[in-house]
């Protein structure tokens, strides 16, 4: 196993960062990253002579080697110090000092190491913070943020994942975020969107987005200046147990179509996300359930008349947005019925001209729709005789 290779050479190897946080929270980590005192060159030499496959990724200049072992990739990064940072990228220098490496990490809960013997190395009280569900920057918040302004959004993301209650922030942290919010203007839209989507699907989303407005962050990450916070309140209550897509939550902030266009200019969202946003903003108030025994009918009619791609999934997101839990379940069970009559059937009945066939089919389609798509071929054709 590869830990033995490190041991043989007297290099230290520990599990680092997010995986330690997950293991201590009793969760299975998505991927396990390692940190080591060995330099990239030493690791390459050691792995190559042991016949371990290395995956060529661009991580090497900041110290990361990826080894492929038992069908799994392992990222192993040399301990390092950030020498120069510009708020986006860092120049690094290697070190053998574990505390120095922990010092440049973002949050205390992400700055711990775990020895393979189970020993925890925790220089900044991360384990205490994790147990107390506190989100804090390592050292001075403003310094950490200035190294990479995206850390402002990472703070929010982990707050939504770990904190128990909304509003449990250190005032000095919020102050540092507010003073540095402008720095987000220089971060690429793609990186921001990745973080923002995770925030939108986490806990305390209402509290966190309101905080983005209070701390002047919203304008730098593509959100509308006058976001509709009342609608946002309503929708975040609606979706509580409903697994919405990120755009479904976000759409509630938008008053007009242009808000989505502006978001897209800043964040380069996918075409599908953009179209979902447009759809929700356009139909959220007009397309609602019917009174009476068939509340789903307006949605079903919409689908039947629509030529749009993915229309079913858009309608399900609309029901989620509206908080219609029962109708959503029903909609997910519903299969789009297919119209039972063809031009061929009409020819057999003696309707010959193409134009007449077209008209007749349209009339029958209308009858079929009126019946809630229940009429079968026989009923429709006998209906034709009456027409």
Protein backbone atom coordinates (compact mmCIF):
# COMPACT_ATOMS: atom_id res chain seq x y z
CA UNK A 1 0.00 0.00 0.00
CA UNK A 2 1.29 3.48 -0.67
CA UNK A 3 1.51 4.65 3.00
CA UNK A 4 4.25 2.02 3.41
CA UNK A 5 6.26 3.62 0.60
CA UNK A 6 6.24 6.92 2.50
CA UNK A 7 7.11 5.22 5.78
CA UNK A 8 10.07 3.42 4.24
CA UNK A 9 11.51 6.75 3.12
CA UNK A 10 10.65 8.49 6.39
CA UNK A 11 8.27 10.95 4.72
CA UNK A 12 5.29 11.88 6.83
CA UNK A 13 1.85 11.34 5.31
CA UNK A 14 -1.48 12.46 6.75
CA UNK A 15 -5.07 12.86 5.61
CA UNK A 16 -5.84 16.56 5.15
CA UNK A 17 -8.62 19.14 5.02
CA UNK A 18 -12.18 18.31 4.08
CA UNK A 19 -11.80 14.54 4.47
CA UNK A 20 -10.74 14.97 8.11
CA UNK A 21 -13.76 17.23 8.72
CA UNK A 22 -16.09 14.63 7.19
CA UNK A 23 -14.57 11.71 9.08
CA UNK A 24 -14.88 13.58 12.38
CA UNK A 25 -18.53 14.41 11.57
CA UNK A 26 -19.20 10.72 10.98
CA UNK A 27 -19.63 11.15 7.23
CA UNK A 28 -17.95 9.24 4.43
CA UNK A 29 -15.66 11.70 2.63
CA UNK A 30 -16.24 12.16 -1.10
CA UNK A 31 -12.53 12.04 -1.75
CA UNK A 32 -9.55 11.72 0.51
CA UNK A 33 -6.68 14.14 0.04
CA UNK A 34 -3.31 13.60 1.64
CA UNK A 35 -0.56 15.96 2.70
CA UNK A 36 3.08 15.00 3.01
CA UNK A 37 6.53 16.31 3.81
CA UNK A 38 7.83 14.73 0.57
CA UNK A 39 8.34 17.12 -2.37
CA UNK A 40 6.69 16.44 -5.74
CA UNK A 41 10.03 15.32 -7.18
CA UNK A 42 10.63 12.91 -4.28
CA UNK A 43 7.12 11.50 -4.64
CA UNK A 44 7.49 11.02 -8.37
CA UNK A 45 10.74 9.21 -7.92
CA UNK A 46 9.32 7.00 -5.15
CA UNK A 47 6.11 6.13 -7.00
CA UNK A 48 7.79 5.50 -10.34
CA UNK A 49 10.32 3.11 -8.88
CA UNK A 50 7.49 1.28 -7.06
CA UNK A 51 5.56 1.00 -10.34
CA UNK A 52 2.62 3.14 -9.19
CA UNK A 53 0.83 4.93 -12.01
CA UNK A 54 0.84 8.72 -11.85
CA UNK A 55 -1.90 10.73 -13.46
CA UNK A 56 -0.64 13.75 -15.23
CA UNK A 57 -2.63 16.66 -13.93
CA UNK A 58 -1.54 20.25 -13.74
CA UNK A 59 -1.25 20.24 -9.96
CA UNK A 60 2.47 19.68 -9.80
CA UNK A 61 3.67 23.27 -9.74
CA UNK A 62 1.71 23.91 -6.58
CA UNK A 63 2.76 20.61 -5.13
CA UNK A 64 0.06 18.05 -5.96
CA UNK A 65 0.76 14.58 -7.32
CA UNK A 66 -2.12 12.27 -8.27
CA UNK A 67 -1.47 8.55 -7.88
CA UNK A 68 -3.75 5.87 -9.35
CA UNK A 69 -4.08 2.84 -7.11
CA UNK A 70 -6.76 0.12 -6.87
CA UNK A 71 -9.01 1.92 -9.36
CA UNK A 72 -8.90 5.09 -7.25
CA UNK A 73 -7.16 8.43 -7.57
CA UNK A 74 -5.29 9.79 -4.58
CA UNK A 75 -4.18 13.40 -4.45
CA UNK A 76 -1.10 13.95 -2.35
CA UNK A 77 0.11 17.48 -1.81
CA UNK A 78 3.41 18.67 -0.40
CA UNK A 79 3.14 20.90 2.67
CA UNK A 80 3.45 24.47 1.50
CA UNK A 81 3.47 28.13 2.36
CA UNK A 82 1.78 30.70 0.14
CA UNK A 83 4.43 33.26 -0.70
CA UNK A 84 2.55 35.73 -2.87
CA UNK A 85 -1.21 35.80 -3.29
CA UNK A 86 -3.24 38.13 -5.52
CA UNK A 87 -6.69 37.21 -4.24
CA UNK A 88 -7.02 34.47 -6.84
CA UNK A 89 -3.84 32.42 -7.21
CA UNK A 90 -0.94 31.73 -4.92
CA UNK A 91 2.77 31.21 -5.51
CA UNK A 92 3.93 28.46 -3.18
CA UNK A 93 7.05 27.35 -1.42
CA UNK A 94 7.39 23.86 0.07
CA UNK A 95 7.86 23.27 3.79
CA UNK A 96 8.00 20.41 6.28
CA UNK A 97 6.16 22.39 8.96
CA UNK A 98 2.58 21.07 9.36
CA UNK A 99 1.39 24.10 11.28
CA UNK A 100 2.58 26.46 8.54
CA UNK A 101 0.54 24.48 6.02
CA UNK A 102 -2.56 24.52 8.24
CA UNK A 103 -2.16 28.28 8.66
CA UNK A 104 -2.82 29.03 4.99
CA UNK A 105 -6.07 27.01 4.87
CA UNK A 106 -9.42 28.81 4.91
CA UNK A 107 -11.55 27.66 7.86
CA UNK A 108 -10.55 26.03 11.14
CA UNK A 109 -12.75 23.00 10.39
CA UNK A 110 -10.84 22.50 7.13
CA UNK A 111 -7.36 22.93 8.62
CA UNK A 112 -6.90 19.64 10.49
CA UNK A 113 -4.74 16.61 9.66
CA UNK A 114 -5.33 13.02 10.62
CA UNK A 115 -2.42 10.61 10.97
CA UNK A 116 -2.99 7.14 9.53
CA UNK A 117 -2.61 5.90 13.11
CA UNK A 118 -5.67 7.95 14.10
CA UNK A 119 -3.77 10.83 15.68
CA UNK A 120 -5.44 14.23 15.11
CA UNK A 121 -3.26 17.27 14.40
CA UNK A 122 -5.35 20.34 15.03
CA UNK A 123 -3.48 23.63 15.35
CA UNK A 124 -6.44 26.01 15.27
CA UNK A 125 -9.13 24.42 17.39
CA UNK A 126 -10.95 23.03 14.39
CA UNK A 127 -12.30 20.00 16.25
CA UNK A 128 -13.82 22.19 18.98
CA UNK A 129 -15.37 24.41 16.31
CA UNK A 130 -16.76 21.39 14.47
CA UNK A 131 -18.31 20.00 17.66
CA UNK A 132 -19.79 23.42 18.50
CA UNK A 133 -20.85 23.94 14.86
CA UNK A 134 -18.86 27.17 14.60
CA UNK A 135 -17.52 28.45 11.32
CA UNK A 136 -14.36 30.51 11.74
CA UNK A 137 -11.49 31.56 9.54
CA UNK A 138 -8.00 30.39 10.46
CA UNK A 139 -6.24 33.35 12.08
CA UNK A 140 -7.35 36.78 10.86
CA UNK A 141 -10.45 36.66 8.66
CA UNK A 142 -9.40 39.60 6.49
CA UNK A 143 -6.01 38.05 5.71
CA UNK A 144 -7.54 34.71 4.76
CA UNK A 145 -10.13 36.41 2.54
CA UNK A 146 -7.55 38.57 0.79
CA UNK A 147 -5.61 35.44 -0.18
CA UNK A 148 -8.64 34.26 -2.16
CA UNK A 149 -11.86 36.27 -2.18
CA UNK A 150 -13.90 33.19 -3.08
CA UNK A 151 -13.43 32.23 0.58
CA UNK A 152 -16.26 34.63 1.41
CA UNK A 153 -18.64 32.28 -0.39
CA UNK A 154 -16.97 29.22 1.08
CA UNK A 155 -17.66 30.68 4.51
CA UNK A 156 -21.36 30.89 3.62
CA UNK A 157 -21.40 27.42 2.10
CA UNK A 158 -19.94 25.75 5.18
CA UNK A 159 -22.15 27.84 7.41
CA UNK A 160 -25.13 26.38 5.55
CA UNK A 161 -23.73 22.91 5.96
CA UNK A 162 -22.61 22.91 9.55
CA UNK A 163 -24.06 25.74 11.65
CA UNK A 164 -27.09 24.89 13.78
CA UNK A 165 -28.89 28.24 13.71
CA UNK A 166 -28.99 31.25 11.41
CA UNK A 167 -27.32 34.38 12.73
CA UNK A 168 -24.57 32.73 14.74
CA UNK A 169 -21.61 34.65 13.24
CA UNK A 170 -18.71 36.43 14.85
CA UNK A 171 -19.27 40.17 14.26
CA UNK A 172 -15.60 40.62 13.34
CA UNK A 173 -15.96 37.96 10.62
CA UNK A 174 -18.97 39.70 9.08
CA UNK A 175 -17.08 42.99 9.24
CA UNK A 176 -14.12 41.46 7.39
CA UNK A 177 -16.46 40.04 4.75
CA UNK A 178 -18.15 43.38 4.23
CA UNK A 179 -14.85 45.24 3.92
CA UNK A 180 -13.57 42.76 1.35
CA UNK A 181 -16.76 42.09 -0.64
CA UNK A 182 -15.45 44.11 -3.60
CA UNK A 183 -12.72 41.54 -4.11
CA UNK A 184 -15.33 39.12 -5.43
CA UNK A 185 -15.57 41.29 -8.55
CA UNK A 186 -12.23 39.82 -9.66
CA UNK A 187 -13.22 36.17 -9.24
CA UNK A 188 -14.36 34.20 -12.29
CA UNK A 189 -18.08 33.65 -12.69
CA UNK A 190 -17.67 29.90 -13.02
CA UNK A 191 -15.99 29.59 -9.61
CA UNK A 192 -18.66 31.77 -8.01
CA UNK A 193 -21.52 29.79 -9.54
CA UNK A 194 -20.15 26.49 -8.18
CA UNK A 195 -20.18 27.91 -4.63
CA UNK A 196 -23.46 29.77 -5.01
CA UNK A 197 -25.28 26.63 -6.18
CA UNK A 198 -24.12 24.77 -3.08
CA UNK A 199 -25.30 27.62 -0.85
CA UNK A 200 -28.71 27.61 -2.55
CA UNK A 201 -29.17 23.92 -1.77
CA UNK A 202 -27.87 24.07 1.80
CA UNK A 203 -29.51 25.02 5.10
CA UNK A 204 -30.20 28.62 6.18
CA UNK A 205 -30.37 29.72 2.54
CA UNK A 206 -32.78 32.54 3.33
CA UNK A 207 -30.53 33.91 6.07
CA UNK A 208 -27.38 33.59 3.96
CA UNK A 209 -28.74 35.31 0.86
CA UNK A 210 -30.14 38.15 2.96
CA UNK A 211 -26.68 38.44 4.47
CA UNK A 212 -25.22 38.75 0.95
CA UNK A 213 -27.41 41.79 0.46
CA UNK A 214 -26.62 43.28 3.89
CA UNK A 215 -22.88 42.82 3.43
CA UNK A 216 -22.89 44.26 -0.13
CA UNK A 217 -21.84 41.05 -1.81
CA UNK A 218 -24.88 40.55 -4.04
CA UNK A 219 -23.90 43.11 -6.67
CA UNK A 220 -20.47 41.53 -7.23
CA UNK A 221 -21.80 38.04 -7.89
CA UNK A 222 -24.47 38.85 -10.46
CA UNK A 223 -27.52 39.08 -8.18
CA UNK A 224 -30.06 41.84 -8.89
CA UNK A 225 -29.51 44.98 -6.80
CA UNK A 226 -33.17 45.15 -5.85
CA UNK A 227 -33.73 41.43 -5.38
CA UNK A 228 -37.30 40.51 -4.48
CA UNK A 229 -36.66 39.42 -0.89
CA UNK A 230 -40.37 39.04 -0.03
CA UNK A 231 -40.86 36.53 -2.83
CA UNK A 232 -37.60 34.88 -1.78
CA UNK A 233 -38.96 34.45 1.78
CA UNK A 234 -42.09 32.82 0.45
CA UNK A 235 -40.31 30.46 -1.90
CA UNK A 236 -37.63 29.39 0.58
CA UNK A 237 -40.48 28.32 2.90
CA UNK A 238 -42.24 26.52 0.01
CA UNK A 239 -39.26 24.42 -1.00
CA UNK A 240 -38.18 23.26 2.43
CA UNK A 241 -38.56 19.52 1.85
CA UNK A 242 -38.67 19.49 -1.92
CA UNK A 243 -35.14 19.16 -3.42
CA UNK A 244 -35.34 22.11 -5.87
CA UNK A 245 -32.70 22.90 -8.48
CA UNK A 246 -30.48 25.87 -7.53
CA UNK A 247 -32.08 28.07 -10.19
CA UNK A 248 -35.54 27.38 -8.78
CA UNK A 249 -34.52 28.90 -5.46
CA UNK A 250 -32.67 31.78 -7.09
CA UNK A 251 -35.46 32.69 -9.54
CA UNK A 252 -37.55 34.02 -6.67
CA UNK A 253 -35.15 36.97 -6.35
CA UNK A 254 -35.72 38.02 -9.96
CA UNK A 255 -38.40 40.53 -10.86
CA UNK A 256 -37.82 40.59 -14.61
CA UNK A 257 -36.25 38.56 -17.39
CA UNK A 258 -33.24 40.88 -17.56
CA UNK A 259 -32.22 39.84 -14.06
CA UNK A 260 -31.46 36.38 -15.44
CA UNK A 261 -29.62 37.76 -18.46
CA UNK A 262 -27.40 39.78 -16.11
CA UNK A 263 -26.79 36.79 -13.87
CA UNK A 264 -25.74 34.82 -16.94
CA UNK A 265 -23.35 37.56 -18.09
CA UNK A 266 -21.61 37.44 -14.72
CA UNK A 267 -21.71 33.71 -13.93
CA UNK A 268 -21.91 31.96 -17.34
CA UNK A 269 -24.69 29.63 -16.21
CA UNK A 270 -25.73 26.71 -18.43
CA UNK A 271 -28.33 27.12 -21.14
CA UNK A 272 -30.64 24.77 -19.26
CA UNK A 273 -30.33 26.81 -16.06
CA UNK A 274 -31.00 30.02 -17.95
CA UNK A 275 -34.08 28.62 -19.67
CA UNK A 276 -35.45 27.32 -16.39
CA UNK A 277 -35.02 30.81 -14.89
CA UNK A 278 -36.86 32.41 -17.80
CA UNK A 279 -39.65 29.83 -17.55
CA UNK A 280 -40.21 30.33 -13.83
CA UNK A 281 -40.18 34.12 -13.99
CA UNK A 282 -42.65 34.03 -16.87
CA UNK A 283 -45.15 31.49 -15.52
CA UNK A 284 -44.83 31.48 -11.71
CA UNK A 285 -47.93 33.62 -11.06
CA UNK A 286 -50.19 32.82 -14.04
CA UNK A 287 -49.81 29.05 -14.25
CA UNK A 288 -51.40 27.86 -11.01
CA UNK A 289 -53.61 25.01 -9.89
CA UNK A 290 -57.28 24.86 -10.86
CA UNK A 291 -60.03 25.00 -8.28
CA UNK A 292 -62.20 21.90 -8.22
CA UNK A 293 -61.56 18.21 -8.66
CA UNK A 294 -58.66 18.44 -11.16
CA UNK A 295 -56.10 20.86 -9.73
CA UNK A 296 -53.34 19.55 -12.05
CA UNK A 297 -55.22 20.23 -15.27
CA UNK A 298 -53.69 23.64 -16.10
CA UNK A 299 -50.19 22.13 -15.82
CA UNK A 300 -51.15 19.08 -17.87
CA UNK A 301 -52.74 21.24 -20.56
CA UNK A 302 -49.62 23.36 -20.64
CA UNK A 303 -47.46 20.29 -21.22
CA UNK A 304 -49.79 18.91 -23.88
CA UNK A 305 -49.80 22.21 -25.79
CA UNK A 306 -46.11 22.86 -25.37
CA UNK A 307 -43.33 22.39 -27.89
CA UNK A 308 -40.62 23.17 -25.33
CA UNK A 309 -37.73 20.86 -24.46
CA UNK A 310 -37.75 19.29 -20.96
CA UNK A 311 -41.15 20.77 -20.32
CA UNK A 312 -42.05 18.13 -17.71
CA UNK A 313 -39.02 18.90 -15.62
CA UNK A 314 -39.70 22.65 -15.86
CA UNK A 315 -43.29 22.14 -14.69
CA UNK A 316 -42.03 20.06 -11.75
CA UNK A 317 -39.68 22.89 -10.79
CA UNK A 318 -42.59 25.34 -11.05
CA UNK A 319 -44.67 23.19 -8.68
CA UNK A 320 -41.68 23.05 -6.33
CA UNK A 321 -41.34 26.85 -6.50
CA UNK A 322 -45.03 27.16 -5.66
CA UNK A 323 -44.67 24.70 -2.78
CA UNK A 324 -47.33 22.35 -4.21
CA UNK A 325 -45.96 19.18 -2.67
CA UNK A 326 -48.94 16.89 -3.38
CA UNK A 327 -49.36 18.07 -6.96
CA UNK A 328 -45.62 17.63 -7.51
CA UNK A 329 -45.80 13.97 -6.42
CA UNK A 330 -48.84 13.48 -8.65
CA UNK A 331 -47.12 15.16 -11.58
CA UNK A 332 -44.09 12.91 -11.18
CA UNK A 333 -46.40 9.87 -11.50
CA UNK A 334 -48.21 11.23 -14.57
CA UNK A 335 -47.26 10.00 -18.02
CA UNK A 336 -48.05 12.15 -21.02
CA UNK A 337 -50.93 10.42 -22.83
CA UNK A 338 -50.65 10.03 -26.58
CA UNK A 339 -53.44 11.15 -28.87
CA UNK A 340 -55.24 7.98 -30.00
CA UNK A 341 -56.44 9.07 -33.46
CA UNK A 342 -54.34 9.33 -36.62
CA UNK A 343 -54.95 10.64 -40.13
CA UNK A 344 -54.99 7.01 -41.20
CA UNK A 345 -58.07 6.37 -39.00
CA UNK A 346 -59.87 9.29 -40.62
CA UNK A 347 -59.08 8.08 -44.15
CA UNK A 348 -60.60 4.73 -43.25
CA UNK A 349 -63.73 6.66 -42.29
CA UNK A 350 -63.84 8.31 -45.67
CA UNK A 351 -62.33 11.74 -44.93
CA UNK A 352 -60.11 12.18 -47.94
CA UNK A 353 -58.70 15.68 -48.40
CA UNK A 354 -55.59 16.60 -46.42
CA UNK A 355 -57.13 19.87 -45.37
CA UNK A 356 -60.24 18.21 -43.95
CA UNK A 357 -58.12 15.65 -42.13
CA UNK A 358 -56.12 18.46 -40.52
CA UNK A 359 -59.25 20.29 -39.38
CA UNK A 360 -60.88 17.14 -38.07
CA UNK A 361 -57.79 16.11 -36.14
CA UNK A 362 -57.64 19.54 -34.50
CA UNK A 363 -61.32 19.36 -33.50
CA UNK A 364 -60.88 15.88 -32.06
CA UNK A 365 -57.77 16.99 -30.20
CA UNK A 366 -59.83 19.77 -28.59
CA UNK A 367 -62.55 17.29 -27.58
CA UNK A 368 -59.91 14.93 -26.20
CA UNK A 369 -58.35 17.76 -24.18
CA UNK A 370 -61.80 18.74 -22.80
CA UNK A 371 -62.29 15.17 -21.63
CA UNK A 372 -59.06 15.41 -19.62
CA UNK A 373 -57.34 13.17 -22.24
CA UNK A 374 -59.58 10.26 -21.25
CA UNK A 375 -61.54 9.65 -24.48
CA UNK A 376 -60.30 6.65 -26.44
CA UNK A 377 -60.20 6.12 -30.19
CA UNK A 378 -63.77 4.72 -30.39
CA UNK A 379 -65.30 7.61 -28.47
CA UNK A 380 -63.40 10.19 -30.49
CA UNK A 381 -64.35 8.68 -33.83
CA UNK A 382 -68.04 8.49 -32.88
CA UNK A 383 -67.68 12.11 -31.83
CA UNK A 384 -66.43 12.87 -35.35
CA UNK A 385 -69.72 11.58 -36.81
CA UNK A 386 -71.57 14.13 -34.66
CA UNK A 387 -69.26 16.92 -35.80
